[in-house]
Each structure stands twice: as structure tokens, then as C-alpha cells.
Amino acid sequence: TQFVLYEDDGWSKAYLNGQVRTTRMEQALEGDIARV
């Protein structure tokens, strides 16, 4: 499975002009190893 985290400065509307960071995260349980 995966999830994309969106971050901005938390207080302005600068995100409307593209001031955003995205970070993709994935997880998978493969046998005896959980990968994140």
C-alpha cells in the first residue's frame, strides 16, 4: 500500500502557488520482513 503526504508552511495560502512538498510512503509485508 502507499500514501502521499502533502506538507506546506501550515499558515499561509502559498500552497495555492505550488509551495508544497509531497512525500510518497509505501509498506509491504514480505514473508518475515516488513518494509516501509
Full PDB file with SEQRES, HELIX, SHEET, SSBOND, CRYST1, ORIGX, SCALE, CONECT and MASTER records, all heavy atoms in Angstrom:
SEQRES   1 A   36  THR GLN PHE VAL LEU TYR GLU ASP ASP GLY TRP SER LYS          
SEQRES   2 A   36  ALA TYR LEU ASN GLY GLN VAL ARG THR THR ARG MET GLU          
SEQRES   3 A   36  GLN ALA LEU GLU GLY ASP ILE ALA ARG VAL                      
HELIX    1 AA1 ALA A   14  ASN A   17  5                                   4    
SHEET    1 AA1 2 GLN A   2  GLU A   7  0                                        
SHEET    2 AA1 2 ARG A  21  GLU A  26 -1                                        
SHEET    1 AA2 2 ALA A  28  GLU A  30  0                                        
SHEET    2 AA2 2 ILE A  33  ARG A  35 -1                                        
CRYST1    1.000    1.000    1.000  90.00  90.00  90.00 P 1           1          
ORIGX1      1.000000  0.000000  0.000000        0.00000                         
ORIGX2      0.000000  1.000000  0.000000        0.00000                         
ORIGX3      0.000000  0.000000  1.000000        0.00000                         
SCALE1      1.000000  0.000000  0.000000        0.00000                         
SCALE2      0.000000  1.000000  0.000000        0.00000                         
SCALE3      0.000000  0.000000  1.000000        0.00000                         
ATOM      1  N   THR A   1       0.861  -1.178   0.000  1.00  0.00           N  
ATOM      2  CA  THR A   1       0.000   0.000   0.000  1.00  0.00           C  
ATOM      3  C   THR A   1       0.901   1.233   0.000  1.00  0.00           C  
ATOM      4  O   THR A   1       2.090   1.143   0.323  1.00  0.00           O  
ATOM      5  CB  THR A   1      -0.938   0.035   1.223  1.00  0.00           C  
ATOM      6  OG1 THR A   1      -0.145   0.003   2.417  1.00  0.00           O  
ATOM      7  CG2 THR A   1      -1.908  -1.141   1.219  1.00  0.00           C  
ATOM      8  N   GLN A   2       0.317   2.365  -0.347  1.00  0.00           N  
ATOM      9  CA  GLN A   2       1.088   3.601  -0.354  1.00  0.00           C  
ATOM     10  C   GLN A   2       0.230   4.768   0.111  1.00  0.00           C  
ATOM     11  O   GLN A   2      -0.995   4.691   0.139  1.00  0.00           O  
ATOM     12  CB  GLN A   2       1.676   3.877  -1.725  1.00  0.00           C  
ATOM     13  CG  GLN A   2       0.676   4.200  -2.793  1.00  0.00           C  
ATOM     14  CD  GLN A   2       1.349   4.550  -4.107  1.00  0.00           C  
ATOM     15  OE1 GLN A   2       2.491   4.984  -4.157  1.00  0.00           O  
ATOM     16  NE2 GLN A   2       0.623   4.379  -5.198  1.00  0.00           N  
ATOM     17  N   PHE A   3       0.915   5.849   0.461  1.00  0.00           N  
ATOM     18  CA  PHE A   3       0.277   7.073   0.924  1.00  0.00           C  
ATOM     19  C   PHE A   3       1.162   8.228   0.486  1.00  0.00           C  
ATOM     20  O   PHE A   3       2.392   8.112   0.504  1.00  0.00           O  
ATOM     21  CB  PHE A   3       0.156   7.052   2.456  1.00  0.00           C  
ATOM     22  CG  PHE A   3      -0.397   8.316   3.042  1.00  0.00           C  
ATOM     23  CD1 PHE A   3      -1.763   8.542   3.076  1.00  0.00           C  
ATOM     24  CD2 PHE A   3       0.441   9.280   3.568  1.00  0.00           C  
ATOM     25  CE1 PHE A   3      -2.287   9.708   3.613  1.00  0.00           C  
ATOM     26  CE2 PHE A   3      -0.070  10.453   4.110  1.00  0.00           C  
ATOM     27  CZ  PHE A   3      -1.436  10.660   4.132  1.00  0.00           C  
ATOM     28  N   VAL A   4       0.575   9.337   0.096  1.00  0.00           N  
ATOM     29  CA  VAL A   4       1.344  10.524  -0.252  1.00  0.00           C  
ATOM     30  C   VAL A   4       1.035  11.613   0.776  1.00  0.00           C  
ATOM     31  O   VAL A   4      -0.120  12.006   0.947  1.00  0.00           O  
ATOM     32  CB  VAL A   4       1.026  11.020  -1.675  1.00  0.00           C  
ATOM     33  CG1 VAL A   4       1.813  12.299  -1.982  1.00  0.00           C  
ATOM     34  CG2 VAL A   4       1.350   9.947  -2.707  1.00  0.00           C  
ATOM     35  N   LEU A   5       2.072  12.055   1.459  1.00  0.00           N  
ATOM     36  CA  LEU A   5       1.964  13.117   2.454  1.00  0.00           C  
ATOM     37  C   LEU A   5       2.164  14.458   1.763  1.00  0.00           C  
ATOM     38  O   LEU A   5       3.133  14.644   1.024  1.00  0.00           O  
ATOM     39  CB  LEU A   5       3.035  12.931   3.535  1.00  0.00           C  
ATOM     40  CG  LEU A   5       3.132  14.028   4.592  1.00  0.00           C  
ATOM     41  CD1 LEU A   5       1.886  14.029   5.473  1.00  0.00           C  
ATOM     42  CD2 LEU A   5       4.384  13.852   5.429  1.00  0.00           C  
ATOM     43  N   TYR A   6       1.240  15.388   1.992  1.00  0.00           N  
ATOM     44  CA  TYR A   6       1.350  16.751   1.489  1.00  0.00           C  
ATOM     45  C   TYR A   6       1.688  17.663   2.652  1.00  0.00           C  
ATOM     46  O   TYR A   6       1.017  17.615   3.684  1.00  0.00           O  
ATOM     47  CB  TYR A   6       0.031  17.211   0.854  1.00  0.00           C  
ATOM     48  CG  TYR A   6      -0.228  16.606  -0.495  1.00  0.00           C  
ATOM     49  CD1 TYR A   6      -0.663  15.297  -0.621  1.00  0.00           C  
ATOM     50  CD2 TYR A   6      -0.014  17.348  -1.655  1.00  0.00           C  
ATOM     51  CE1 TYR A   6      -0.899  14.727  -1.865  1.00  0.00           C  
ATOM     52  CE2 TYR A   6      -0.248  16.798  -2.910  1.00  0.00           C  
ATOM     53  CZ  TYR A   6      -0.683  15.489  -3.004  1.00  0.00           C  
ATOM     54  OH  TYR A   6      -0.910  14.932  -4.228  1.00  0.00           O  
ATOM     55  N   GLU A   7       2.730  18.494   2.487  1.00  0.00           N  
ATOM     56  CA  GLU A   7       3.143  19.430   3.533  1.00  0.00           C  
ATOM     57  C   GLU A   7       3.238  20.837   2.941  1.00  0.00           C  
ATOM     58  O   GLU A   7       3.655  21.005   1.797  1.00  0.00           O  
ATOM     59  CB  GLU A   7       4.516  19.065   4.081  1.00  0.00           C  
ATOM     60  CG  GLU A   7       4.608  17.715   4.740  1.00  0.00           C  
ATOM     61  CD  GLU A   7       6.027  17.408   5.134  1.00  0.00           C  
ATOM     62  OE1 GLU A   7       6.795  16.948   4.268  1.00  0.00           O  
ATOM     63  OE2 GLU A   7       6.376  17.652   6.303  1.00  0.00           O  
ATOM     64  N   ASP A   8       2.861  21.814   3.763  1.00  0.00           N  
ATOM     65  CA  ASP A   8       3.079  23.211   3.396  1.00  0.00           C  
ATOM     66  C   ASP A   8       3.498  23.961   4.659  1.00  0.00           C  
ATOM     67  O   ASP A   8       3.759  23.345   5.686  1.00  0.00           O  
ATOM     68  CB  ASP A   8       1.857  23.824   2.711  1.00  0.00           C  
ATOM     69  CG  ASP A   8       0.622  23.863   3.598  1.00  0.00           C  
ATOM     70  OD1 ASP A   8       0.756  23.759   4.842  1.00  0.00           O  
ATOM     71  OD2 ASP A   8      -0.485  24.003   3.068  1.00  0.00           O  
ATOM     72  N   ASP A   9       3.545  25.293   4.586  1.00  0.00           N  
ATOM     73  CA  ASP A   9       4.037  26.050   5.743  1.00  0.00           C  
ATOM     74  C   ASP A   9       3.066  26.052   6.917  1.00  0.00           C  
ATOM     75  O   ASP A   9       3.413  26.440   8.017  1.00  0.00           O  
ATOM     76  CB  ASP A   9       4.428  27.473   5.346  1.00  0.00           C  
ATOM     77  CG  ASP A   9       3.268  28.307   4.826  1.00  0.00           C  
ATOM     78  OD1 ASP A   9       2.092  27.993   5.135  1.00  0.00           O  
ATOM     79  OD2 ASP A   9       3.525  29.285   4.100  1.00  0.00           O  
ATOM     80  N   GLY A  10       1.824  25.623   6.700  1.00  0.00           N  
ATOM     81  CA  GLY A  10       0.869  25.495   7.791  1.00  0.00           C  
ATOM     82  C   GLY A  10       0.127  26.756   8.166  1.00  0.00           C  
ATOM     83  O   GLY A  10      -0.708  26.721   9.065  1.00  0.00           O  
ATOM     84  N   TRP A  11       0.407  27.864   7.498  1.00  0.00           N  
ATOM     85  CA  TRP A  11      -0.277  29.083   7.907  1.00  0.00           C  
ATOM     86  C   TRP A  11      -0.673  30.000   6.754  1.00  0.00           C  
ATOM     87  O   TRP A  11      -1.593  30.790   6.881  1.00  0.00           O  
ATOM     88  CB  TRP A  11       0.566  29.867   8.915  1.00  0.00           C  
ATOM     89  CG  TRP A  11       1.942  30.194   8.426  1.00  0.00           C  
ATOM     90  CD1 TRP A  11       3.063  29.438   8.563  1.00  0.00           C  
ATOM     91  CD2 TRP A  11       2.342  31.348   7.686  1.00  0.00           C  
ATOM     92  NE1 TRP A  11       4.131  30.039   7.952  1.00  0.00           N  
ATOM     93  CE2 TRP A  11       3.721  31.230   7.413  1.00  0.00           C  
ATOM     94  CE3 TRP A  11       1.685  32.471   7.230  1.00  0.00           C  
ATOM     95  CZ2 TRP A  11       4.442  32.182   6.696  1.00  0.00           C  
ATOM     96  CZ3 TRP A  11       2.398  33.424   6.515  1.00  0.00           C  
ATOM     97  CH2 TRP A  11       3.769  33.267   6.266  1.00  0.00           C  
ATOM     98  N   SER A  12      -0.003  29.927   5.610  1.00  0.00           N  
ATOM     99  CA  SER A  12      -0.331  30.849   4.507  1.00  0.00           C  
ATOM    100  C   SER A  12      -1.104  30.114   3.408  1.00  0.00           C  
ATOM    101  O   SER A  12      -1.380  28.927   3.507  1.00  0.00           O  
ATOM    102  CB  SER A  12       0.949  31.451   3.930  1.00  0.00           C  
ATOM    103  OG  SER A  12       1.609  30.498   3.106  1.00  0.00           O  
ATOM    104  N   LYS A  13      -1.402  30.859   2.343  1.00  0.00           N  
ATOM    105  CA  LYS A  13      -2.052  30.269   1.170  1.00  0.00           C  
ATOM    106  C   LYS A  13      -1.045  30.015   0.052  1.00  0.00           C  
ATOM    107  O   LYS A  13      -1.406  29.852  -1.108  1.00  0.00           O  
ATOM    108  CB  LYS A  13      -3.169  31.185   0.678  1.00  0.00           C  
ATOM    109  CG  LYS A  13      -4.328  31.261   1.645  1.00  0.00           C  
ATOM    110  CD  LYS A  13      -5.457  32.075   1.074  1.00  0.00           C  
ATOM    111  CE  LYS A  13      -6.614  32.119   2.072  1.00  0.00           C  
ATOM    112  NZ  LYS A  13      -7.736  32.904   1.535  1.00  0.00           N  
ATOM    113  N   ALA A  14       0.239  29.957   0.395  1.00  0.00           N  
ATOM    114  CA  ALA A  14       1.287  29.735  -0.608  1.00  0.00           C  
ATOM    115  C   ALA A  14       1.124  28.393  -1.314  1.00  0.00           C  
ATOM    116  O   ALA A  14       1.605  28.223  -2.439  1.00  0.00           O  
ATOM    117  CB  ALA A  14       2.668  29.830   0.038  1.00  0.00           C  
ATOM    118  N   TYR A  15       0.430  27.458  -0.695  1.00  0.00           N  
ATOM    119  CA  TYR A  15       0.188  26.162  -1.340  1.00  0.00           C  
ATOM    120  C   TYR A  15      -0.583  26.329  -2.645  1.00  0.00           C  
ATOM    121  O   TYR A  15      -0.456  25.523  -3.569  1.00  0.00           O  
ATOM    122  CB  TYR A  15      -0.553  25.207  -0.398  1.00  0.00           C  
ATOM    123  CG  TYR A  15      -1.966  25.635  -0.062  1.00  0.00           C  
ATOM    124  CD1 TYR A  15      -3.035  25.220  -0.831  1.00  0.00           C  
ATOM    125  CD2 TYR A  15      -2.214  26.462   1.034  1.00  0.00           C  
ATOM    126  CE1 TYR A  15      -4.328  25.617  -0.528  1.00  0.00           C  
ATOM    127  CE2 TYR A  15      -3.492  26.870   1.336  1.00  0.00           C  
ATOM    128  CZ  TYR A  15      -4.552  26.445   0.554  1.00  0.00           C  
ATOM    129  OH  TYR A  15      -5.823  26.851   0.842  1.00  0.00           O  
ATOM    130  N   LEU A  16      -1.372  27.409  -2.746  1.00  0.00           N  
ATOM    131  CA  LEU A  16      -2.126  27.665  -3.974  1.00  0.00           C  
ATOM    132  C   LEU A  16      -1.202  27.986  -5.150  1.00  0.00           C  
ATOM    133  O   LEU A  16      -1.585  27.839  -6.309  1.00  0.00           O  
ATOM    134  CB  LEU A  16      -3.114  28.815  -3.767  1.00  0.00           C  
ATOM    135  CG  LEU A  16      -4.239  28.551  -2.763  1.00  0.00           C  
ATOM    136  CD1 LEU A  16      -5.017  29.822  -2.475  1.00  0.00           C  
ATOM    137  CD2 LEU A  16      -5.153  27.447  -3.279  1.00  0.00           C  
ATOM    138  N   ASN A  17       0.019  28.414  -4.837  1.00  0.00           N  
ATOM    139  CA  ASN A  17       1.026  28.727  -5.860  1.00  0.00           C  
ATOM    140  C   ASN A  17       2.073  27.624  -5.972  1.00  0.00           C  
ATOM    141  O   ASN A  17       3.163  27.856  -6.481  1.00  0.00           O  
ATOM    142  CB  ASN A  17       1.702  30.068  -5.544  1.00  0.00           C  
ATOM    143  CG  ASN A  17       0.716  31.213  -5.571  1.00  0.00           C  
ATOM    144  OD1 ASN A  17      -0.150  31.266  -6.442  1.00  0.00           O  
ATOM    145  ND2 ASN A  17       0.824  32.116  -4.612  1.00  0.00           N  
ATOM    146  N   GLY A  18       1.754  26.446  -5.459  1.00  0.00           N  
ATOM    147  CA  GLY A  18       2.648  25.296  -5.628  1.00  0.00           C  
ATOM    148  C   GLY A  18       3.707  25.130  -4.558  1.00  0.00           C  
ATOM    149  O   GLY A  18       4.581  24.277  -4.700  1.00  0.00           O  
ATOM    150  N   GLN A  19       3.652  25.931  -3.497  1.00  0.00           N  
ATOM    151  CA  GLN A  19       4.644  25.782  -2.441  1.00  0.00           C  
ATOM    152  C   GLN A  19       4.218  24.651  -1.508  1.00  0.00           C  
ATOM    153  O   GLN A  19       3.656  24.875  -0.433  1.00  0.00           O  
ATOM    154  CB  GLN A  19       4.835  27.101  -1.697  1.00  0.00           C  
ATOM    155  CG  GLN A  19       5.516  28.141  -2.564  1.00  0.00           C  
ATOM    156  CD  GLN A  19       5.992  29.308  -1.769  1.00  0.00           C  
ATOM    157  OE1 GLN A  19       6.289  29.210  -0.585  1.00  0.00           O  
ATOM    158  NE2 GLN A  19       6.098  30.451  -2.427  1.00  0.00           N  
ATOM    159  N   VAL A  20       4.485  23.442  -1.975  1.00  0.00           N  
ATOM    160  CA  VAL A  20       4.073  22.212  -1.294  1.00  0.00           C  
ATOM    161  C   VAL A  20       5.179  21.183  -1.465  1.00  0.00           C  
ATOM    162  O   VAL A  20       5.858  21.154  -2.494  1.00  0.00           O  
ATOM    163  CB  VAL A  20       2.768  21.659  -1.918  1.00  0.00           C  
ATOM    164  CG1 VAL A  20       2.380  20.333  -1.306  1.00  0.00           C  
ATOM    165  CG2 VAL A  20       1.639  22.655  -1.780  1.00  0.00           C  
ATOM    166  N   ARG A  21       5.344  20.340  -0.480  1.00  0.00           N  
ATOM    167  CA  ARG A  21       6.227  19.170  -0.605  1.00  0.00           C  
ATOM    168  C   ARG A  21       5.356  17.935  -0.509  1.00  0.00           C  
ATOM    169  O   ARG A  21       4.501  17.837   0.372  1.00  0.00           O  
ATOM    170  CB  ARG A  21       7.281  19.136   0.492  1.00  0.00           C  
ATOM    171  CG  ARG A  21       8.115  17.837   0.420  1.00  0.00           C  
ATOM    172  CD  ARG A  21       9.172  17.749   1.477  1.00  0.00           C  
ATOM    173  NE  ARG A  21      10.224  18.695   1.152  1.00  0.00           N  
ATOM    174  CZ  ARG A  21      11.022  19.249   2.062  1.00  0.00           C  
ATOM    175  NH1 ARG A  21      10.875  18.977   3.339  1.00  0.00           N  
ATOM    176  NH2 ARG A  21      11.967  20.091   1.691  1.00  0.00           N  
ATOM    177  N   THR A  22       5.573  17.000  -1.420  1.00  0.00           N  
ATOM    178  CA  THR A  22       4.901  15.707  -1.338  1.00  0.00           C  
ATOM    179  C   THR A  22       5.940  14.639  -1.061  1.00  0.00           C  
ATOM    180  O   THR A  22       7.054  14.691  -1.592  1.00  0.00           O  
ATOM    181  CB  THR A  22       4.140  15.364  -2.633  1.00  0.00           C  
ATOM    182  OG1 THR A  22       5.054  15.338  -3.726  1.00  0.00           O  
ATOM    183  CG2 THR A  22       3.028  16.371  -2.902  1.00  0.00           C  
ATOM    184  N   THR A  23       5.564  13.687  -0.216  1.00  0.00           N  
ATOM    185  CA  THR A  23       6.450  12.572   0.113  1.00  0.00           C  
ATOM    186  C   THR A  23       5.637  11.288   0.038  1.00  0.00           C  
ATOM    187  O   THR A  23       4.669  11.125   0.780  1.00  0.00           O  
ATOM    188  CB  THR A  23       7.037  12.737   1.531  1.00  0.00           C  
ATOM    189  OG1 THR A  23       7.680  14.015   1.626  1.00  0.00           O  
ATOM    190  CG2 THR A  23       8.042  11.631   1.834  1.00  0.00           C  
ATOM    191  N   ARG A  24       6.034  10.405  -0.875  1.00  0.00           N  
ATOM    192  CA  ARG A  24       5.348   9.114  -1.025  1.00  0.00           C  
ATOM    193  C   ARG A  24       5.952   8.119  -0.045  1.00  0.00           C  
ATOM    194  O   ARG A  24       7.168   8.057   0.137  1.00  0.00           O  
ATOM    195  CB  ARG A  24       5.488   8.599  -2.454  1.00  0.00           C  
ATOM    196  CG  ARG A  24       4.719   7.324  -2.722  1.00  0.00           C  
ATOM    197  CD  ARG A  24       4.658   7.005  -4.203  1.00  0.00           C  
ATOM    198  NE  ARG A  24       5.950   6.985  -4.841  1.00  0.00           N  
ATOM    199  CZ  ARG A  24       6.624   5.868  -5.129  1.00  0.00           C  
ATOM    200  NH1 ARG A  24       6.121   4.696  -4.855  1.00  0.00           N  
ATOM    201  NH2 ARG A  24       7.796   5.951  -5.717  1.00  0.00           N  
ATOM    202  N   MET A  25       5.077   7.338   0.585  1.00  0.00           N  
ATOM    203  CA  MET A  25       5.482   6.289   1.514  1.00  0.00           C  
ATOM    204  C   MET A  25       4.793   4.992   1.110  1.00  0.00           C  
ATOM    205  O   MET A  25       3.632   5.024   0.694  1.00  0.00           O  
ATOM    206  CB  MET A  25       5.090   6.654   2.940  1.00  0.00           C  
ATOM    207  CG  MET A  25       5.797   7.880   3.462  1.00  0.00           C  
ATOM    208  SD  MET A  25       5.204   8.346   5.093  1.00  0.00           S  
ATOM    209  CE  MET A  25       4.251   9.779   4.653  1.00  0.00           C  
ATOM    210  N   GLU A  26       5.499   3.883   1.232  1.00  0.00           N  
ATOM    211  CA  GLU A  26       4.935   2.575   0.915  1.00  0.00           C  
ATOM    212  C   GLU A  26       5.238   1.601   2.035  1.00  0.00           C  
ATOM    213  O   GLU A  26       6.222   1.753   2.754  1.00  0.00           O  
ATOM    214  CB  GLU A  26       5.543   2.019  -0.381  1.00  0.00           C  
ATOM    215  CG  GLU A  26       5.199   2.785  -1.613  1.00  0.00           C  
ATOM    216  CD  GLU A  26       5.831   2.185  -2.863  1.00  0.00           C  
ATOM    217  OE1 GLU A  26       6.655   1.246  -2.752  1.00  0.00           O  
ATOM    218  OE2 GLU A  26       5.491   2.659  -3.962  1.00  0.00           O  
ATOM    219  N   GLN A  27       4.395   0.579   2.149  1.00  0.00           N  
ATOM    220  CA  GLN A  27       4.635  -0.513   3.085  1.00  0.00           C  
ATOM    221  C   GLN A  27       4.299  -1.817   2.393  1.00  0.00           C  
ATOM    222  O   GLN A  27       3.454  -1.852   1.494  1.00  0.00           O  
ATOM    223  CB  GLN A  27       3.817  -0.358   4.361  1.00  0.00           C  
ATOM    224  CG  GLN A  27       2.342  -0.696   4.257  1.00  0.00           C  
ATOM    225  CD  GLN A  27       2.034  -2.178   4.212  1.00  0.00           C  
ATOM    226  OE1 GLN A  27       2.646  -2.987   4.903  1.00  0.00           O  
ATOM    227  NE2 GLN A  27       1.100  -2.554   3.362  1.00  0.00           N  
ATOM    228  N   ALA A  28       4.976  -2.882   2.812  1.00  0.00           N  
ATOM    229  CA  ALA A  28       4.662  -4.234   2.335  1.00  0.00           C  
ATOM    230  C   ALA A  28       5.273  -5.233   3.311  1.00  0.00           C  
ATOM    231  O   ALA A  28       6.405  -5.064   3.766  1.00  0.00           O  
ATOM    232  CB  ALA A  28       5.207  -4.471   0.936  1.00  0.00           C  
ATOM    233  N   LEU A  29       4.512  -6.243   3.631  1.00  0.00           N  
ATOM    234  CA  LEU A  29       4.994  -7.336   4.469  1.00  0.00           C  
ATOM    235  C   LEU A  29       5.334  -8.476   3.522  1.00  0.00           C  
ATOM    236  O   LEU A  29       4.465  -9.016   2.844  1.00  0.00           O  
ATOM    237  CB  LEU A  29       3.918  -7.753   5.473  1.00  0.00           C  
ATOM    238  CG  LEU A  29       4.265  -8.874   6.438  1.00  0.00           C  
ATOM    239  CD1 LEU A  29       5.480  -8.515   7.281  1.00  0.00           C  
ATOM    240  CD2 LEU A  29       3.071  -9.166   7.345  1.00  0.00           C  
ATOM    241  N   GLU A  30       6.622  -8.788   3.428  1.00  0.00           N  
ATOM    242  CA  GLU A  30       7.117  -9.815   2.510  1.00  0.00           C  
ATOM    243  C   GLU A  30       7.740 -10.933   3.332  1.00  0.00           C  
ATOM    244  O   GLU A  30       8.899 -10.842   3.740  1.00  0.00           O  
ATOM    245  CB  GLU A  30       8.134  -9.213   1.548  1.00  0.00           C  
ATOM    246  CG  GLU A  30       7.585  -8.057   0.738  1.00  0.00           C  
ATOM    247  CD  GLU A  30       8.657  -7.227   0.049  1.00  0.00           C  
ATOM    248  OE1 GLU A  30       9.862  -7.398   0.369  1.00  0.00           O  
ATOM    249  OE2 GLU A  30       8.293  -6.390  -0.785  1.00  0.00           O  
ATOM    250  N   GLY A  31       6.962 -11.977   3.615  1.00  0.00           N  
ATOM    251  CA  GLY A  31       7.466 -13.073   4.439  1.00  0.00           C  
ATOM    252  C   GLY A  31       7.766 -12.596   5.840  1.00  0.00           C  
ATOM    253  O   GLY A  31       6.886 -12.120   6.552  1.00  0.00           O  
ATOM    254  N   ASP A  32       9.029 -12.678   6.238  1.00  0.00           N  
ATOM    255  CA  ASP A  32       9.452 -12.282   7.580  1.00  0.00           C  
ATOM    256  C   ASP A  32       9.972 -10.849   7.653  1.00  0.00           C  
ATOM    257  O   ASP A  32      10.539 -10.451   8.678  1.00  0.00           O  
ATOM    258  CB  ASP A  32      10.542 -13.236   8.085  1.00  0.00           C  
ATOM    259  CG  ASP A  32      10.022 -14.637   8.339  1.00  0.00           C  
ATOM    260  OD1 ASP A  32       8.804 -14.788   8.557  1.00  0.00           O  
ATOM    261  OD2 ASP A  32      10.825 -15.589   8.330  1.00  0.00           O  
ATOM    262  N   ILE A  33       9.817 -10.087   6.583  1.00  0.00           N  
ATOM    263  CA  ILE A  33      10.337  -8.719   6.572  1.00  0.00           C  
ATOM    264  C   ILE A  33       9.206  -7.741   6.254  1.00  0.00           C  
ATOM    265  O   ILE A  33       8.536  -7.861   5.230  1.00  0.00           O  
ATOM    266  CB  ILE A  33      11.471  -8.546   5.540  1.00  0.00           C  
ATOM    267  CG1 ILE A  33      12.604  -9.546   5.817  1.00  0.00           C  
ATOM    268  CG2 ILE A  33      11.993  -7.111   5.557  1.00  0.00           C  
ATOM    269  CD1 ILE A  33      13.680  -9.557   4.760  1.00  0.00           C  
ATOM    270  N   ALA A  34       9.007  -6.785   7.167  1.00  0.00           N  
ATOM    271  CA  ALA A  34       8.081  -5.685   6.923  1.00  0.00           C  
ATOM    272  C   ALA A  34       8.905  -4.520   6.398  1.00  0.00           C  
ATOM    273  O   ALA A  34       9.881  -4.116   7.036  1.00  0.00           O  
ATOM    274  CB  ALA A  34       7.347  -5.293   8.198  1.00  0.00           C  
ATOM    275  N   ARG A  35       8.543  -4.020   5.240  1.00  0.00           N  
ATOM    276  CA  ARG A  35       9.297  -2.929   4.625  1.00  0.00           C  
ATOM    277  C   ARG A  35       8.456  -1.652   4.612  1.00  0.00           C  
ATOM    278  O   ARG A  35       7.283  -1.684   4.248  1.00  0.00           O  
ATOM    279  CB  ARG A  35       9.696  -3.294   3.206  1.00  0.00           C  
ATOM    280  CG  ARG A  35      10.584  -4.521   3.146  1.00  0.00           C  
ATOM    281  CD  ARG A  35      11.119  -4.757   1.734  1.00  0.00           C  
ATOM    282  NE  ARG A  35      11.733  -6.056   1.607  1.00  0.00           N  
ATOM    283  CZ  ARG A  35      12.936  -6.380   2.023  1.00  0.00           C  
ATOM    284  NH1 ARG A  35      13.676  -5.467   2.622  1.00  0.00           N  
ATOM    285  NH2 ARG A  35      13.421  -7.590   1.861  1.00  0.00           N  
ATOM    286  N   VAL A  36       9.084  -0.569   5.010  1.00  0.00           N  
ATOM    287  CA  VAL A  36       8.465   0.747   4.945  1.00  0.00           C  
ATOM    288  C   VAL A  36       9.463   1.652   4.231  1.00  0.00           C  
ATOM    289  O   VAL A  36      10.601   1.786   4.671  1.00  0.00           O  
ATOM    290  CB  VAL A  36       8.150   1.312   6.345  1.00  0.00           C  
ATOM    291  CG1 VAL A  36       7.563   2.710   6.242  1.00  0.00           C  
ATOM    292  CG2 VAL A  36       7.221   0.375   7.108  1.00  0.00           C  
TER     293      VAL A  36                                                      
MASTER        0    0    0    1    4    0    0    6  292    1    0    3          
END                                                                             
